[in-house]
N, C-alpha and C. Protein backbone atom coordinates (compact mmCIF):
# COMPACT_ATOMS: atom_id res chain seq x y z
N LEU A 1 -1.94 6.12 -12.15
CA LEU A 1 -1.79 5.04 -11.19
C LEU A 1 -3.11 4.27 -11.07
N ASN A 2 -3.01 2.98 -11.03
CA ASN A 2 -4.19 2.15 -10.82
C ASN A 2 -4.52 2.18 -9.33
N HIS A 3 -5.63 2.81 -8.97
CA HIS A 3 -5.96 3.00 -7.56
C HIS A 3 -6.18 1.69 -6.82
N LYS A 4 -6.37 0.59 -7.53
CA LYS A 4 -6.56 -0.69 -6.85
C LYS A 4 -5.23 -1.31 -6.43
N GLN A 5 -4.13 -0.82 -6.98
CA GLN A 5 -2.82 -1.34 -6.65
C GLN A 5 -2.00 -0.37 -5.81
N TRP A 6 -2.18 0.90 -6.02
CA TRP A 6 -1.37 1.93 -5.37
C TRP A 6 -2.16 2.68 -4.32
N LEU A 7 -1.46 3.10 -3.29
CA LEU A 7 -2.05 3.92 -2.25
C LEU A 7 -1.12 5.11 -2.03
N LEU A 8 -1.64 6.31 -2.24
CA LEU A 8 -0.88 7.52 -1.97
C LEU A 8 -1.03 7.88 -0.50
N VAL A 9 0.09 8.16 0.15
CA VAL A 9 0.08 8.48 1.58
C VAL A 9 0.73 9.84 1.79
N ASP A 10 -0.02 10.73 2.41
CA ASP A 10 0.45 12.06 2.79
C ASP A 10 1.02 11.93 4.21
N SER A 11 2.32 12.14 4.37
CA SER A 11 2.94 11.96 5.68
C SER A 11 3.11 13.27 6.44
N ARG A 12 2.44 14.31 5.97
CA ARG A 12 2.48 15.59 6.67
C ARG A 12 1.52 15.57 7.85
N GLY A 13 1.60 16.57 8.70
CA GLY A 13 0.72 16.68 9.85
C GLY A 13 -0.65 17.23 9.48
N ASP A 14 -1.56 17.23 10.45
CA ASP A 14 -2.93 17.69 10.21
C ASP A 14 -2.99 19.16 9.77
N LYS A 15 -2.20 20.01 10.40
CA LYS A 15 -2.23 21.44 10.04
C LYS A 15 -1.78 21.65 8.60
N GLU A 16 -0.76 20.90 8.19
CA GLU A 16 -0.29 21.00 6.81
C GLU A 16 -1.34 20.48 5.84
N ARG A 17 -1.98 19.40 6.20
CA ARG A 17 -3.02 18.81 5.35
C ARG A 17 -4.20 19.77 5.19
N GLU A 18 -4.55 20.47 6.28
CA GLU A 18 -5.67 21.41 6.23
C GLU A 18 -5.41 22.55 5.25
N ARG A 19 -4.15 22.91 5.03
CA ARG A 19 -3.81 23.98 4.09
C ARG A 19 -3.99 23.56 2.64
N GLY A 20 -4.09 22.25 2.41
CA GLY A 20 -4.30 21.74 1.06
C GLY A 20 -3.88 20.29 0.96
N HIS A 21 -4.67 19.52 0.24
CA HIS A 21 -4.35 18.11 0.08
C HIS A 21 -5.03 17.57 -1.18
N PHE A 22 -4.55 16.42 -1.60
CA PHE A 22 -5.14 15.73 -2.73
C PHE A 22 -6.32 14.89 -2.23
N PRO A 23 -7.40 14.80 -3.00
CA PRO A 23 -8.51 13.93 -2.58
C PRO A 23 -8.09 12.46 -2.68
N GLU A 24 -8.72 11.65 -1.90
CA GLU A 24 -8.50 10.20 -1.89
C GLU A 24 -7.05 9.80 -1.64
N VAL A 25 -6.41 10.55 -0.75
CA VAL A 25 -5.05 10.24 -0.32
C VAL A 25 -5.11 9.99 1.18
N LEU A 26 -4.52 8.90 1.61
CA LEU A 26 -4.51 8.56 3.03
C LEU A 26 -3.51 9.43 3.77
N SER A 27 -3.93 10.03 4.85
CA SER A 27 -3.05 10.84 5.68
C SER A 27 -2.57 10.00 6.85
N LEU A 28 -1.26 9.79 6.91
CA LEU A 28 -0.64 9.11 8.05
C LEU A 28 0.44 10.04 8.57
N ARG A 29 0.18 10.61 9.71
CA ARG A 29 1.08 11.62 10.26
C ARG A 29 2.39 10.97 10.73
N SER A 30 3.48 11.64 10.43
CA SER A 30 4.81 11.16 10.82
C SER A 30 5.43 12.17 11.76
N GLY A 31 5.36 11.88 13.06
CA GLY A 31 5.90 12.80 14.05
C GLY A 31 7.42 12.81 14.03
N LEU A 32 7.99 13.98 14.09
CA LEU A 32 9.45 14.11 14.07
C LEU A 32 10.03 14.45 15.43
N LYS A 33 9.20 15.05 16.30
CA LYS A 33 9.69 15.46 17.61
C LYS A 33 8.93 14.70 18.69
N ALA A 34 9.51 14.64 19.87
CA ALA A 34 8.83 14.01 21.00
C ALA A 34 7.48 14.70 21.21
N GLY A 35 6.44 13.91 21.38
CA GLY A 35 5.11 14.44 21.60
C GLY A 35 4.30 14.60 20.32
N ASP A 36 4.94 14.52 19.15
CA ASP A 36 4.20 14.59 17.88
C ASP A 36 3.39 13.32 17.69
N ILE A 37 2.27 13.44 16.98
CA ILE A 37 1.45 12.27 16.67
C ILE A 37 2.12 11.47 15.57
N ASP A 38 2.18 10.17 15.75
CA ASP A 38 2.76 9.28 14.75
C ASP A 38 1.77 8.15 14.53
N ASP A 39 1.36 7.93 13.28
CA ASP A 39 0.31 6.96 12.96
C ASP A 39 0.84 5.61 12.47
N TYR A 40 2.10 5.30 12.70
CA TYR A 40 2.68 4.12 12.09
C TYR A 40 2.69 2.90 13.00
N SER A 41 1.50 2.40 13.26
CA SER A 41 1.28 1.08 13.86
C SER A 41 0.15 0.45 13.06
N GLN A 42 0.05 -0.87 13.08
CA GLN A 42 -1.02 -1.53 12.30
C GLN A 42 -2.39 -0.98 12.69
N GLU A 43 -2.63 -0.86 13.99
CA GLU A 43 -3.94 -0.41 14.47
C GLU A 43 -4.26 1.00 13.99
N LYS A 44 -3.30 1.91 14.12
CA LYS A 44 -3.54 3.30 13.72
C LYS A 44 -3.72 3.42 12.21
N ILE A 45 -2.92 2.68 11.44
CA ILE A 45 -3.03 2.74 9.99
C ILE A 45 -4.41 2.26 9.54
N LEU A 46 -4.86 1.14 10.08
CA LEU A 46 -6.17 0.61 9.69
C LEU A 46 -7.30 1.53 10.13
N ALA A 47 -7.16 2.16 11.29
CA ALA A 47 -8.17 3.12 11.76
C ALA A 47 -8.22 4.34 10.86
N ARG A 48 -7.06 4.88 10.48
CA ARG A 48 -7.02 6.04 9.59
C ARG A 48 -7.60 5.68 8.22
N TYR A 49 -7.28 4.49 7.72
CA TYR A 49 -7.83 4.02 6.45
C TYR A 49 -9.36 3.99 6.52
N ARG A 50 -9.88 3.42 7.58
CA ARG A 50 -11.34 3.34 7.76
C ARG A 50 -11.95 4.74 7.83
N ASP A 51 -11.31 5.65 8.55
CA ASP A 51 -11.83 7.02 8.69
C ASP A 51 -11.80 7.77 7.35
N PHE A 52 -10.75 7.62 6.58
CA PHE A 52 -10.61 8.38 5.33
C PHE A 52 -11.46 7.82 4.20
N PHE A 53 -11.56 6.49 4.12
CA PHE A 53 -12.23 5.88 2.97
C PHE A 53 -13.59 5.26 3.33
N SER A 54 -14.00 5.38 4.58
CA SER A 54 -15.30 4.88 5.05
C SER A 54 -15.50 3.40 4.74
N LYS A 55 -14.42 2.63 4.86
CA LYS A 55 -14.52 1.18 4.73
C LYS A 55 -13.36 0.56 5.49
N SER A 56 -13.59 -0.64 5.96
CA SER A 56 -12.56 -1.35 6.72
C SER A 56 -11.72 -2.20 5.80
N ILE A 57 -10.52 -2.48 6.26
CA ILE A 57 -9.60 -3.34 5.54
C ILE A 57 -8.79 -4.11 6.58
N ASN A 58 -8.41 -5.34 6.26
CA ASN A 58 -7.55 -6.07 7.20
C ASN A 58 -6.09 -5.85 6.81
N TRP A 59 -5.19 -6.21 7.71
CA TRP A 59 -3.79 -5.91 7.51
C TRP A 59 -3.20 -6.64 6.29
N SER A 60 -3.58 -7.90 6.09
CA SER A 60 -3.01 -8.63 4.95
C SER A 60 -3.44 -8.00 3.62
N ASP A 61 -4.66 -7.48 3.53
CA ASP A 61 -5.09 -6.78 2.32
C ASP A 61 -4.40 -5.43 2.17
N PHE A 62 -4.21 -4.74 3.28
CA PHE A 62 -3.52 -3.45 3.24
C PHE A 62 -2.10 -3.63 2.72
N LYS A 63 -1.44 -4.69 3.12
CA LYS A 63 -0.05 -4.93 2.72
C LYS A 63 0.08 -5.23 1.22
N LYS A 64 -1.02 -5.49 0.54
CA LYS A 64 -0.97 -5.74 -0.91
C LYS A 64 -0.77 -4.46 -1.71
N TYR A 65 -1.07 -3.31 -1.09
CA TYR A 65 -0.89 -2.04 -1.80
C TYR A 65 0.58 -1.75 -2.03
N LYS A 66 0.85 -1.07 -3.14
CA LYS A 66 2.13 -0.44 -3.38
C LYS A 66 1.92 0.98 -2.86
N VAL A 67 2.80 1.44 -1.99
CA VAL A 67 2.61 2.71 -1.31
C VAL A 67 3.56 3.76 -1.88
N MET A 68 3.00 4.95 -2.18
CA MET A 68 3.80 6.09 -2.59
C MET A 68 3.59 7.18 -1.54
N LEU A 69 4.68 7.62 -0.93
CA LEU A 69 4.64 8.61 0.14
C LEU A 69 5.04 9.99 -0.37
N PHE A 70 4.47 11.02 0.24
CA PHE A 70 4.94 12.37 -0.04
C PHE A 70 4.78 13.22 1.19
N CYS A 71 5.56 14.32 1.21
CA CYS A 71 5.47 15.28 2.32
C CYS A 71 5.68 16.68 1.75
N ASN A 72 6.61 17.45 2.31
CA ASN A 72 6.79 18.85 1.91
C ASN A 72 7.98 19.09 0.98
N GLY A 73 8.44 18.09 0.29
CA GLY A 73 9.53 18.30 -0.65
C GLY A 73 10.78 17.53 -0.28
N GLU A 74 11.81 17.72 -1.09
CA GLU A 74 13.01 16.89 -0.97
C GLU A 74 13.78 17.08 0.33
N LYS A 75 13.63 18.20 0.99
CA LYS A 75 14.35 18.43 2.25
C LYS A 75 13.52 18.04 3.47
N CYS A 76 12.29 17.63 3.26
CA CYS A 76 11.42 17.21 4.36
C CYS A 76 11.66 15.73 4.65
N PRO A 77 11.95 15.38 5.91
CA PRO A 77 12.25 13.98 6.24
C PRO A 77 11.04 13.11 6.55
N LYS A 78 9.85 13.67 6.51
CA LYS A 78 8.68 12.92 6.97
C LYS A 78 8.37 11.68 6.13
N SER A 79 8.42 11.79 4.81
CA SER A 79 8.10 10.62 3.99
C SER A 79 9.18 9.55 4.10
N ALA A 80 10.44 9.96 4.24
CA ALA A 80 11.51 8.97 4.44
C ALA A 80 11.31 8.23 5.75
N ARG A 81 10.98 8.96 6.79
CA ARG A 81 10.72 8.31 8.08
C ARG A 81 9.51 7.39 7.99
N ALA A 82 8.47 7.84 7.31
CA ALA A 82 7.26 7.03 7.14
C ALA A 82 7.58 5.75 6.37
N GLY A 83 8.40 5.87 5.33
CA GLY A 83 8.78 4.70 4.56
C GLY A 83 9.51 3.67 5.41
N CYS A 84 10.42 4.13 6.25
CA CYS A 84 11.13 3.21 7.17
C CYS A 84 10.14 2.54 8.11
N SER A 85 9.19 3.30 8.62
CA SER A 85 8.18 2.73 9.54
C SER A 85 7.33 1.69 8.84
N LEU A 86 6.92 1.95 7.60
CA LEU A 86 6.10 0.99 6.86
C LEU A 86 6.88 -0.27 6.53
N ARG A 87 8.16 -0.13 6.22
CA ARG A 87 8.99 -1.31 5.95
C ARG A 87 9.10 -2.17 7.20
N LYS A 88 9.25 -1.57 8.35
CA LYS A 88 9.31 -2.33 9.61
C LYS A 88 8.02 -3.11 9.86
N LEU A 89 6.92 -2.59 9.32
CA LEU A 89 5.63 -3.26 9.47
C LEU A 89 5.37 -4.29 8.36
N GLY A 90 6.33 -4.44 7.45
CA GLY A 90 6.23 -5.47 6.43
C GLY A 90 5.74 -5.04 5.06
N LEU A 91 5.58 -3.73 4.85
CA LEU A 91 5.16 -3.27 3.53
C LEU A 91 6.37 -3.11 2.62
N LYS A 92 6.12 -3.22 1.31
CA LYS A 92 7.23 -3.09 0.35
C LYS A 92 7.15 -1.78 -0.37
């Protein structure tokens, strides 16, 4: 994957990420239950991007990425939910 075009997004929670993760992958938590942390707003996404990659990005530049989501496998709904959230925010 050309890292300038694609952005890998881990939609698992922090505890799952701590057990193992890929380097240079953005973690955007997808809460499934009431009270879970959910990072799918423009402000939270840009803040997480800045925290993970130590650089800022504006929303129009972020939307240029092609996003590939993953979670805990085919029966895990987190990446599907994250994809729906990103589409609502205008990402393709």
